[in-house]
Amino acid sequence: QAALPKILQNTPQDFFSQTLDTLSTRADLCYERAQKTPGLSCPSKPRGSMYIMIRIDSDKFKDLRDDKEFAVALAKEEALMVLPGSAFGFPGWIRLLFAAPETILDESWDRLEAFCTRHTK
């Protein structure tokens, strides 16, 4: 911990700017993909984080009753891990991290969209 101030002081400002730009771009990607995916929505874009909270409309799914069932089935069928919102006091939501490289994020969203399409009514 004692080294942290010196590390932050000696890190070029460009590093922080690039990191913020990268996270902002990935947040936008996730927000847009959530709006296009059947049964999912997101009321606002994340700001200052590496995760996005996405609402699951359980009425649109034929066999997934809640966020926990959604997360378990997604892990089994698509090998994608999301955190059920109920773990954070937000049942009916999932928490998705977007710090991965953009190519992996795109592939993950393709698989998430395919999963949702298979399970919607």
Protein backbone atom coordinates (compact mmCIF):
# COMPACT_ATOMS: atom_id res chain seq x y z
CA GLN A 1 0.00 0.00 0.00
CA ALA A 2 2.86 2.35 0.72
CA ALA A 3 4.03 2.07 -2.91
CA LEU A 4 0.65 3.02 -4.39
CA PRO A 5 1.03 6.83 -4.28
CA LYS A 6 4.37 6.62 -6.09
CA ILE A 7 3.00 4.18 -8.66
CA LEU A 8 0.04 6.45 -9.39
CA GLN A 9 2.27 9.53 -9.55
CA ASN A 10 4.69 7.85 -11.99
CA THR A 11 2.02 6.38 -14.26
CA PRO A 12 1.59 8.48 -17.41
CA GLN A 13 -1.78 10.26 -17.62
CA ASP A 14 -2.22 8.71 -21.06
CA PHE A 15 -2.63 5.29 -19.41
CA PHE A 16 -5.61 6.50 -17.38
CA SER A 17 -7.19 8.25 -20.36
CA GLN A 18 -6.87 5.18 -22.58
CA THR A 19 -8.28 2.93 -19.86
CA LEU A 20 -11.30 5.20 -19.39
CA ASP A 21 -11.88 5.39 -23.16
CA THR A 22 -11.66 1.60 -23.47
CA LEU A 23 -14.11 1.01 -20.63
CA SER A 24 -16.49 3.64 -22.01
CA THR A 25 -16.49 1.98 -25.45
CA ARG A 26 -17.16 -1.43 -23.93
CA ALA A 27 -19.92 -0.04 -21.71
CA ASP A 28 -21.59 1.40 -24.82
CA LEU A 29 -21.27 -1.93 -26.61
CA CYS A 30 -22.91 -3.79 -23.71
CA TYR A 31 -25.68 -1.22 -23.34
CA GLU A 32 -26.54 -1.39 -27.04
CA ARG A 33 -26.41 -5.19 -27.16
CA ALA A 34 -28.62 -5.48 -24.06
CA GLN A 35 -31.28 -3.33 -25.73
CA LYS A 36 -31.29 -5.62 -28.79
CA THR A 37 -31.34 -8.94 -26.94
CA PRO A 38 -34.75 -10.58 -26.41
CA GLY A 39 -35.86 -10.48 -22.78
CA LEU A 40 -33.12 -8.10 -21.63
CA SER A 41 -32.98 -4.35 -21.08
CA CYS A 42 -30.78 -1.77 -19.46
CA PRO A 43 -32.19 1.55 -18.25
CA SER A 44 -28.89 3.45 -18.30
CA LYS A 45 -25.30 3.16 -19.46
CA PRO A 46 -22.73 2.44 -16.77
CA ARG A 47 -20.33 5.24 -15.86
CA GLY A 48 -17.14 4.75 -13.90
CA SER A 49 -17.40 0.98 -13.54
CA MET A 50 -16.38 -2.25 -15.23
CA TYR A 51 -19.79 -3.89 -15.00
CA ILE A 52 -23.31 -3.34 -16.22
CA MET A 53 -26.60 -4.24 -14.54
CA ILE A 54 -29.07 -5.76 -16.98
CA ARG A 55 -32.76 -6.33 -16.29
CA ILE A 56 -34.24 -9.74 -17.10
CA ASP A 57 -37.89 -9.68 -18.15
CA SER A 58 -38.85 -13.11 -16.78
CA ASP A 59 -42.31 -12.86 -18.40
CA LYS A 60 -40.64 -13.14 -21.79
CA PHE A 61 -38.83 -16.38 -20.97
CA LYS A 62 -40.62 -19.71 -21.19
CA ASP A 63 -38.48 -21.62 -18.70
CA LEU A 64 -36.33 -19.19 -16.66
CA ARG A 65 -38.18 -17.89 -13.62
CA ASP A 66 -35.56 -15.67 -12.04
CA ASP A 67 -32.04 -14.30 -12.23
CA LYS A 68 -30.52 -17.33 -10.50
CA GLU A 69 -32.05 -19.80 -12.96
CA PHE A 70 -30.96 -17.53 -15.78
CA ALA A 71 -27.33 -17.43 -14.56
CA VAL A 72 -27.13 -21.20 -13.96
CA ALA A 73 -28.65 -22.10 -17.34
CA LEU A 74 -26.39 -19.60 -19.14
CA ALA A 75 -23.30 -21.11 -17.51
CA LYS A 76 -24.38 -24.67 -18.41
CA GLU A 77 -25.47 -23.97 -21.98
CA GLU A 78 -23.07 -21.27 -23.13
CA ALA A 79 -20.20 -21.40 -20.60
CA LEU A 80 -20.85 -17.73 -19.81
CA MET A 81 -20.73 -16.55 -16.23
CA VAL A 82 -22.86 -13.66 -15.01
CA LEU A 83 -23.72 -12.80 -11.45
CA PRO A 84 -27.38 -12.96 -10.45
CA GLY A 85 -28.58 -9.58 -9.26
CA SER A 86 -30.20 -11.16 -6.22
CA ALA A 87 -26.68 -11.59 -4.81
CA PHE A 88 -26.54 -7.77 -4.65
CA GLY A 89 -30.12 -7.17 -3.57
CA PHE A 90 -31.39 -6.75 -7.15
CA PRO A 91 -33.50 -9.80 -8.01
CA GLY A 92 -34.50 -9.95 -11.66
CA TRP A 93 -31.20 -8.48 -12.83
CA ILE A 94 -27.79 -9.83 -13.83
CA ARG A 95 -24.40 -8.21 -13.40
CA LEU A 96 -22.08 -8.54 -16.37
CA LEU A 97 -18.41 -7.51 -16.31
CA PHE A 98 -17.10 -5.88 -19.48
CA ALA A 99 -13.37 -5.53 -18.85
CA ALA A 100 -12.59 -8.32 -21.35
CA PRO A 101 -11.09 -7.58 -24.77
CA GLU A 102 -13.70 -6.37 -27.27
CA THR A 103 -13.46 -9.49 -29.47
CA ILE A 104 -14.27 -11.70 -26.48
CA LEU A 105 -17.06 -9.36 -25.44
CA ASP A 106 -18.61 -9.52 -28.92
CA GLU A 107 -18.46 -13.31 -28.95
CA SER A 108 -19.94 -13.46 -25.45
CA TRP A 109 -22.82 -11.22 -26.47
CA ASP A 110 -23.46 -13.39 -29.55
CA ARG A 111 -23.74 -16.42 -27.26
CA LEU A 112 -25.89 -14.53 -24.72
CA GLU A 113 -28.24 -13.38 -27.48
CA ALA A 114 -28.50 -16.93 -28.87
CA PHE A 115 -29.28 -18.21 -25.35
CA CYS A 116 -32.01 -15.61 -24.82
CA THR A 117 -33.51 -16.28 -28.26
CA ARG A 118 -33.72 -20.02 -27.49
CA HIS A 119 -35.45 -19.39 -24.17
CA THR A 120 -37.92 -16.61 -25.06
CA LYS A 121 -41.60 -17.39 -25.61
